[in-house]
C-alpha atoms as a PDB file:
ATOM      1  CA  ILE A   1      -0.192  -0.046   0.048  1.00  0.00           C
ATOM      2  CA  GLN A   2       1.250   3.657  -1.234  1.00  0.00           C
ATOM      3  CA  PRO A   3       0.884   6.432   0.920  1.00  0.00           C
ATOM      4  CA  ILE A   4      -1.667   9.108  -0.415  1.00  0.00           C
ATOM      5  CA  LYS A   5      -0.239  11.687  -2.806  1.00  0.00           C
ATOM      6  CA  ASP A   6      -1.244  15.005  -2.332  1.00  0.00           C
ATOM      7  CA  ILE A   7      -3.469  16.733  -4.836  1.00  0.00           C
ATOM      8  CA  LEU A   8      -1.968  18.463  -7.371  1.00  0.00           C
ATOM      9  CA  LYS A   9      -2.618  21.779  -8.907  1.00  0.00           C
ATOM     10  CA  GLU A  10      -3.542  22.367 -12.408  1.00  0.00           C
ATOM     11  CA  GLN A  11      -2.709  25.316 -13.684  1.00  0.00           C
ATOM     12  CA  VAL A  12      -5.626  27.783 -15.014  1.00  0.00           C
ATOM     13  CA  GLY A  13      -5.943  28.506 -18.804  1.00  0.00           C
ATOM     14  CA  LEU A  14      -8.305  30.402 -21.285  1.00  0.00           C
ATOM     15  CA  GLU A  15     -10.602  27.325 -21.481  1.00  0.00           C
ATOM     16  CA  ASP A  16     -11.563  27.534 -17.545  1.00  0.00           C
ATOM     17  CA  ALA A  17     -12.366  31.022 -18.433  1.00  0.00           C
ATOM     18  CA  LEU A  18     -14.579  30.867 -21.471  1.00  0.00           C
ATOM     19  CA  PRO A  19     -17.854  30.174 -19.617  1.00  0.00           C
ATOM     20  CA  TYR A  20     -17.565  32.902 -17.334  1.00  0.00           C
ATOM     21  CA  LEU A  21     -16.529  35.113 -20.071  1.00  0.00           C
ATOM     22  CA  GLY A  22     -19.688  34.324 -22.208  1.00  0.00           C
ATOM     23  CA  ILE A  23     -22.048  34.827 -19.666  1.00  0.00           C
ATOM     24  CA  ILE A  24     -20.408  38.453 -19.146  1.00  0.00           C
ATOM     25  CA  LEU A  25     -20.455  39.135 -22.893  1.00  0.00           C
ATOM     26  CA  GLY A  26     -24.153  37.851 -23.799  1.00  0.00           C
ATOM     27  CA  ALA A  27     -25.205  40.149 -20.853  1.00  0.00           C
ATOM     28  CA  LEU A  28     -23.116  43.283 -21.575  1.00  0.00           C
ATOM     29  CA  LEU A  29     -24.735  42.419 -25.155  1.00  0.00           C
ATOM     30  CA  ILE A  30     -28.064  42.006 -24.297  1.00  0.00           C
ATOM     31  CA  SER A  31     -28.024  45.439 -22.137  1.00  0.00           C
ATOM     32  CA  PHE A  32     -26.499  47.055 -25.100  1.00  0.00           C
ATOM     33  CA  LEU A  33     -29.304  46.160 -27.097  1.00  0.00           C
ATOM     34  CA  VAL A  34     -32.272  46.798 -24.834  1.00  0.00           C
ATOM     35  CA  TRP A  35     -30.103  50.587 -24.161  1.00  0.00           C
ATOM     36  CA  TRP A  36     -30.200  50.983 -28.036  1.00  0.00           C
ATOM     37  CA  LEU A  37     -33.982  49.963 -28.646  1.00  0.00           C
ATOM     38  CA  VAL A  38     -35.102  52.319 -25.660  1.00  0.00           C
ATOM     39  CA  LYS A  39     -32.942  55.486 -26.585  1.00  0.00           C
ATOM     40  CA  GLY A  40     -33.933  54.705 -30.500  1.00  0.00           C
ATOM     41  CA  ARG A  41     -37.550  55.068 -29.493  1.00  0.00           C
ATOM     42  CA  LYS A  42     -37.226  58.283 -27.971  1.00  0.00           C
ATOM     43  CA  ARG A  43     -35.143  60.118 -30.627  1.00  0.00           C
ATOM     44  CA  PRO A  44     -37.454  63.199 -31.547  1.00  0.00           C
ATOM     45  CA  LYS A  45     -39.200  62.692 -34.688  1.00  0.00           C
ATOM     46  CA  VAL A  46     -38.906  65.537 -37.370  1.00  0.00           C
ATOM     47  CA  ASP A  47     -42.583  65.960 -38.918  1.00  0.00           C
ATOM     48  CA  THR A  48     -42.289  66.803 -42.664  1.00  0.00           C
ATOM     49  CA  ALA A  49     -45.840  67.376 -43.295  1.00  0.00           C
ATOM     50  CA  PRO A  50     -46.784  70.580 -44.187  1.00  0.00           C
ATOM     51  CA  VAL A  51     -48.933  72.959 -41.595  1.00  0.00           C
ATOM     52  CA  ILE A  52     -51.858  73.317 -42.827  1.00  0.00           C
ATOM     53  CA  PRO A  53     -53.956  76.521 -41.379  1.00  0.00           C
ATOM     54  CA  LYS A  54     -56.987  75.238 -39.487  1.00  0.00           C
ATOM     55  CA  LEU A  55     -59.999  76.352 -41.262  1.00  0.00           C
ATOM     56  CA  LYS A  56     -63.161  78.233 -39.284  1.00  0.00           C
ATOM     57  CA  ALA A  57     -66.174  75.666 -38.374  1.00  0.00           C
ATOM     58  CA  HIS A  58     -68.177  77.710 -41.169  1.00  0.00           C
ATOM     59  CA  GLU A  59     -65.685  78.001 -43.436  1.00  0.00           C
ATOM     60  CA  LEU A  60     -65.059  73.562 -43.336  1.00  0.00           C
ATOM     61  CA  ALA A  61     -68.671  72.850 -43.255  1.00  0.00           C
ATOM     62  CA  LEU A  62     -69.160  75.314 -46.275  1.00  0.00           C
ATOM     63  CA  GLN A  63     -66.449  73.859 -48.390  1.00  0.00           C
ATOM     64  CA  LYS A  64     -67.697  69.964 -47.901  1.00  0.00           C
ATOM     65  CA  LEU A  65     -71.443  71.103 -48.610  1.00  0.00           C
ATOM     66  CA  GLY A  66     -69.816  72.392 -51.606  1.00  0.00           C
ATOM     67  CA  VAL A  67     -68.273  69.131 -52.406  1.00  0.00           C
ATOM     68  CA  LEU A  68     -71.738  67.264 -51.752  1.00  0.00           C
ATOM     69  CA  GLU A  69     -73.480  69.375 -54.250  1.00  0.00           C
ATOM     70  CA  GLN A  70     -71.083  68.285 -56.821  1.00  0.00           C
ATOM     71  CA  GLU A  71     -71.413  64.585 -56.019  1.00  0.00           C
ATOM     72  CA  PRO A  72     -74.160  62.736 -58.275  1.00  0.00           C
ATOM     73  CA  TRP A  73     -75.840  60.920 -55.281  1.00  0.00           C
ATOM     74  CA  LEU A  74     -79.057  62.537 -55.855  1.00  0.00           C
ATOM     75  CA  SER A  75     -79.306  61.619 -59.126  1.00  0.00           C
ATOM     76  CA  GLN A  76     -78.429  58.061 -58.812  1.00  0.00           C
ATOM     77  CA  GLY A  77     -80.943  57.903 -56.090  1.00  0.00           C
ATOM     78  CA  ALA A  78     -78.164  56.915 -53.328  1.00  0.00           C
ATOM     79  CA  PHE A  79     -80.143  59.268 -50.598  1.00  0.00           C
ATOM     80  CA  LYS A  80     -78.906  57.460 -47.810  1.00  0.00           C
ATOM     81  CA  LYS A  81     -75.525  58.050 -48.688  1.00  0.00           C
ATOM     82  CA  TYR A  82     -76.681  61.649 -49.454  1.00  0.00           C
ATOM     83  CA  GLN A  83     -78.091  61.824 -45.804  1.00  0.00           C
ATOM     84  CA  SER A  84     -75.451  60.646 -44.338  1.00  0.00           C
ATOM     85  CA  GLU A  85     -73.114  63.152 -45.568  1.00  0.00           C
ATOM     86  CA  LEU A  86     -75.379  65.855 -44.971  1.00  0.00           C
ATOM     87  CA  SER A  87     -75.707  65.097 -41.402  1.00  0.00           C
ATOM     88  CA  TYR A  88     -72.281  64.093 -40.973  1.00  0.00           C
ATOM     89  CA  ILE A  89     -71.434  67.781 -42.062  1.00  0.00           C
ATOM     90  CA  LEU A  90     -74.007  69.197 -39.972  1.00  0.00           C
ATOM     91  CA  ARG A  91     -72.834  67.196 -36.979  1.00  0.00           C
ATOM     92  CA  GLU A  92     -68.982  68.341 -37.637  1.00  0.00           C
ATOM     93  CA  TYR A  93     -70.216  71.827 -37.738  1.00  0.00           C
ATOM     94  CA  PHE A  94     -72.000  71.664 -34.886  1.00  0.00           C
ATOM     95  CA  GLU A  95     -68.962  70.336 -33.225  1.00  0.00           C
ATOM     96  CA  ASN A  96     -66.802  72.855 -34.328  1.00  0.00           C
ATOM     97  CA  ARG A  97     -68.904  75.651 -33.777  1.00  0.00           C
ATOM     98  CA  TYR A  98     -70.324  75.160 -30.451  1.00  0.00           C
ATOM     99  CA  GLY A  99     -68.548  72.333 -28.774  1.00  0.00           C
ATOM    100  CA  ILE A 100     -70.461  69.944 -28.437  1.00  0.00           C
ATOM    101  CA  ASN A 101     -69.780  66.497 -29.135  1.00  0.00           C
ATOM    102  CA  ALA A 102     -72.377  65.948 -31.824  1.00  0.00           C
ATOM    103  CA  LEU A 103     -70.732  63.160 -33.851  1.00  0.00           C
ATOM    104  CA  GLU A 104     -71.042  60.868 -31.221  1.00  0.00           C
ATOM    105  CA  ALA A 105     -74.184  61.788 -29.815  1.00  0.00           C
ATOM    106  CA  THR A 106     -77.464  60.212 -31.088  1.00  0.00           C
ATOM    107  CA  THR A 107     -79.882  62.575 -32.854  1.00  0.00           C
ATOM    108  CA  PHE A 108     -82.116  62.783 -29.182  1.00  0.00           C
ATOM    109  CA  ASP A 109     -78.965  63.920 -27.229  1.00  0.00           C
ATOM    110  CA  LEU A 110     -78.241  66.206 -29.916  1.00  0.00           C
ATOM    111  CA  LEU A 111     -81.427  67.813 -29.745  1.00  0.00           C
ATOM    112  CA  LYS A 112     -81.109  68.585 -26.098  1.00  0.00           C
ATOM    113  CA  HIS A 113     -78.135  70.052 -26.593  1.00  0.00           C
ATOM    114  CA  LEU A 114     -79.473  72.162 -29.168  1.00  0.00           C
ATOM    115  CA  GLN A 115     -82.431  73.184 -27.225  1.00  0.00           C
ATOM    116  CA  ASN A 116     -79.907  75.182 -24.876  1.00  0.00           C
ATOM    117  CA  LEU A 117     -78.030  77.293 -27.472  1.00  0.00           C
ATOM    118  CA  ASP A 118     -79.300  80.668 -28.690  1.00  0.00           C
ATOM    119  CA  ILE A 119     -80.930  79.235 -32.100  1.00  0.00           C
ATOM    120  CA  PRO A 120     -84.950  79.286 -31.420  1.00  0.00           C
ATOM    121  CA  ASP A 121     -85.293  79.951 -35.223  1.00  0.00           C
ATOM    122  CA  TRP A 122     -83.963  76.984 -35.723  1.00  0.00           C
ATOM    123  CA  PHE A 123     -84.356  74.375 -33.687  1.00  0.00           C
ATOM    124  CA  ASN A 124     -87.837  73.266 -34.934  1.00  0.00           C
ATOM    125  CA  GLN A 125     -86.159  72.825 -38.686  1.00  0.00           C
ATOM    126  CA  LEU A 126     -83.177  70.922 -37.309  1.00  0.00           C
ATOM    127  CA  LYS A 127     -84.978  68.817 -35.240  1.00  0.00           C
ATOM    128  CA  ASP A 128     -87.237  67.861 -38.286  1.00  0.00           C
ATOM    129  CA  LEU A 129     -84.359  67.711 -40.756  1.00  0.00           C
ATOM    130  CA  LEU A 130     -82.194  65.361 -38.125  1.00  0.00           C
ATOM    131  CA  GLN A 131     -85.488  62.913 -37.334  1.00  0.00           C
ATOM    132  CA  LYS A 132     -86.241  62.699 -40.986  1.00  0.00           C
ATOM    133  CA  SER A 133     -82.457  62.306 -42.191  1.00  0.00           C
ATOM    134  CA  ASP A 134     -82.656  59.596 -39.295  1.00  0.00           C
ATOM    135  CA  LEU A 135     -85.322  58.217 -41.263  1.00  0.00           C
ATOM    136  CA  VAL A 136     -83.695  57.832 -44.352  1.00  0.00           C
ATOM    137  CA  LYS A 137     -80.039  56.512 -42.983  1.00  0.00           C
ATOM    138  CA  PHE A 138     -81.928  53.773 -40.639  1.00  0.00           C
ATOM    139  CA  ALA A 139     -85.472  53.039 -41.576  1.00  0.00           C
ATOM    140  CA  LYS A 140     -84.891  53.220 -45.129  1.00  0.00           C
ATOM    141  CA  ALA A 141     -87.771  56.076 -45.488  1.00  0.00           C
ATOM    142  CA  GLU A 142     -88.091  57.399 -48.679  1.00  0.00           C
ATOM    143  CA  TYR A 143     -88.644  61.114 -49.259  1.00  0.00           C
ATOM    144  CA  PRO A 144     -88.925  63.160 -52.732  1.00  0.00           C
ATOM    145  CA  LEU A 145     -86.202  64.598 -54.243  1.00  0.00           C
ATOM    146  CA  ASP A 146     -86.780  68.347 -53.235  1.00  0.00           C
ATOM    147  CA  PHE A 147     -86.943  66.994 -49.709  1.00  0.00           C
ATOM    148  CA  HIS A 148     -82.995  66.195 -50.049  1.00  0.00           C
ATOM    149  CA  GLU A 149     -82.458  69.532 -51.801  1.00  0.00           C
ATOM    150  CA  SER A 150     -84.358  71.428 -49.289  1.00  0.00           C
ATOM    151  CA  ALA A 151     -82.536  69.759 -46.543  1.00  0.00           C
ATOM    152  CA  PHE A 152     -79.207  70.839 -48.431  1.00  0.00           C
ATOM    153  CA  ASN A 153     -80.286  74.187 -48.753  1.00  0.00           C
ATOM    154  CA  LEU A 154     -81.682  74.351 -45.013  1.00  0.00           C
ATOM    155  CA  VAL A 155     -78.011  73.538 -43.735  1.00  0.00           C
ATOM    156  CA  LYS A 156     -76.362  75.736 -45.673  1.00  0.00           C
ATOM    157  CA  SER A 157     -78.287  78.776 -44.740  1.00  0.00           C
ATOM    158  CA  PHE A 158     -77.924  77.516 -41.079  1.00  0.00           C
ATOM    159  CA  VAL A 159     -74.182  77.668 -41.595  1.00  0.00           C
ATOM    160  CA  GLU A 160     -74.074  81.251 -43.136  1.00  0.00           C
ATOM    161  CA  THR A 161     -76.573  82.622 -40.923  1.00  0.00           C
ATOM    162  CA  THR A 162     -74.868  81.242 -37.486  1.00  0.00           C
ATOM    163  CA  GLN A 163     -71.193  81.526 -38.435  1.00  0.00           C
ATOM    164  CA  GLU A 164     -68.869  83.090 -35.798  1.00  0.00           C
ATOM    165  CA  VAL A 165     -68.628  86.828 -36.626  1.00  0.00           C
ATOM    166  CA  PRO A 166     -64.931  88.186 -35.745  1.00  0.00           C
ATOM    167  CA  ILE A 167     -65.278  91.255 -32.895  1.00  0.00           C
ATOM    168  CA  PRO A 168     -63.520  93.841 -34.433  1.00  0.00           C
ATOM    169  CA  GLU A 169     -60.737  95.085 -31.698  1.00  0.00           C
ATOM    170  CA  GLU A 170     -60.688  98.400 -30.337  1.00  0.00           C
ATOM    171  CA  THR A 171     -57.835 100.543 -31.755  1.00  0.00           C
ATOM    172  CA  GLU A 172     -56.272 103.586 -29.774  1.00  0.00           C
ATOM    173  CA  GLU A 173     -57.825 105.963 -31.834  1.00  0.00           C
ATOM    174  CA  ASP A 174     -61.484 104.457 -30.398  1.00  0.00           C
ATOM    175  CA  THR A 175     -60.246 104.591 -27.108  1.00  0.00           C
ATOM    176  CA  SER A 176     -58.783 108.092 -27.451  1.00  0.00           C
ATOM    177  CA  THR A 177     -61.865 109.802 -29.082  1.00  0.00           C
ATOM    178  CA  GLU A 178     -63.955 108.325 -26.279  1.00  0.00           C
ATOM    179  CA  SER A 179     -61.738 110.112 -23.342  1.00  0.00           C
END
């Protein structure tokens, strides 16, 4: 029987450190990718679209009414499409001019909001128009051609008469003559 020999120490080589180096490099690579993705998303994007001046409510409505007038929907008998577009233009005008959430509101809710506005001369006509427009759109009601033309004229005259009139600002001459 031989005596127990001491443990031989082996020299540490590159092969022993490779698993640890792989883990460290992998963690660094993942950290760099996460940092790069986060930083890349925070870059300010340059808006190259031209700035279009916002139209006033009545200008936008009259422009859309002009486009609607050129559409051949009435001559083709597409009354539902015509009334849908006319109703949309009117509701969009209410939303832009009076701040009513008209595009999302039902006709019943919209009429409640309209009662609070200062348009007593127009209320009954608009109520009748919106209700008949709903009948055309949803219940397939059919009205004569002159109804659709008069509805268009009603909306156009309503927009023209209720448009915002800019209030002239007082100039220095006006204030000096009052004193």
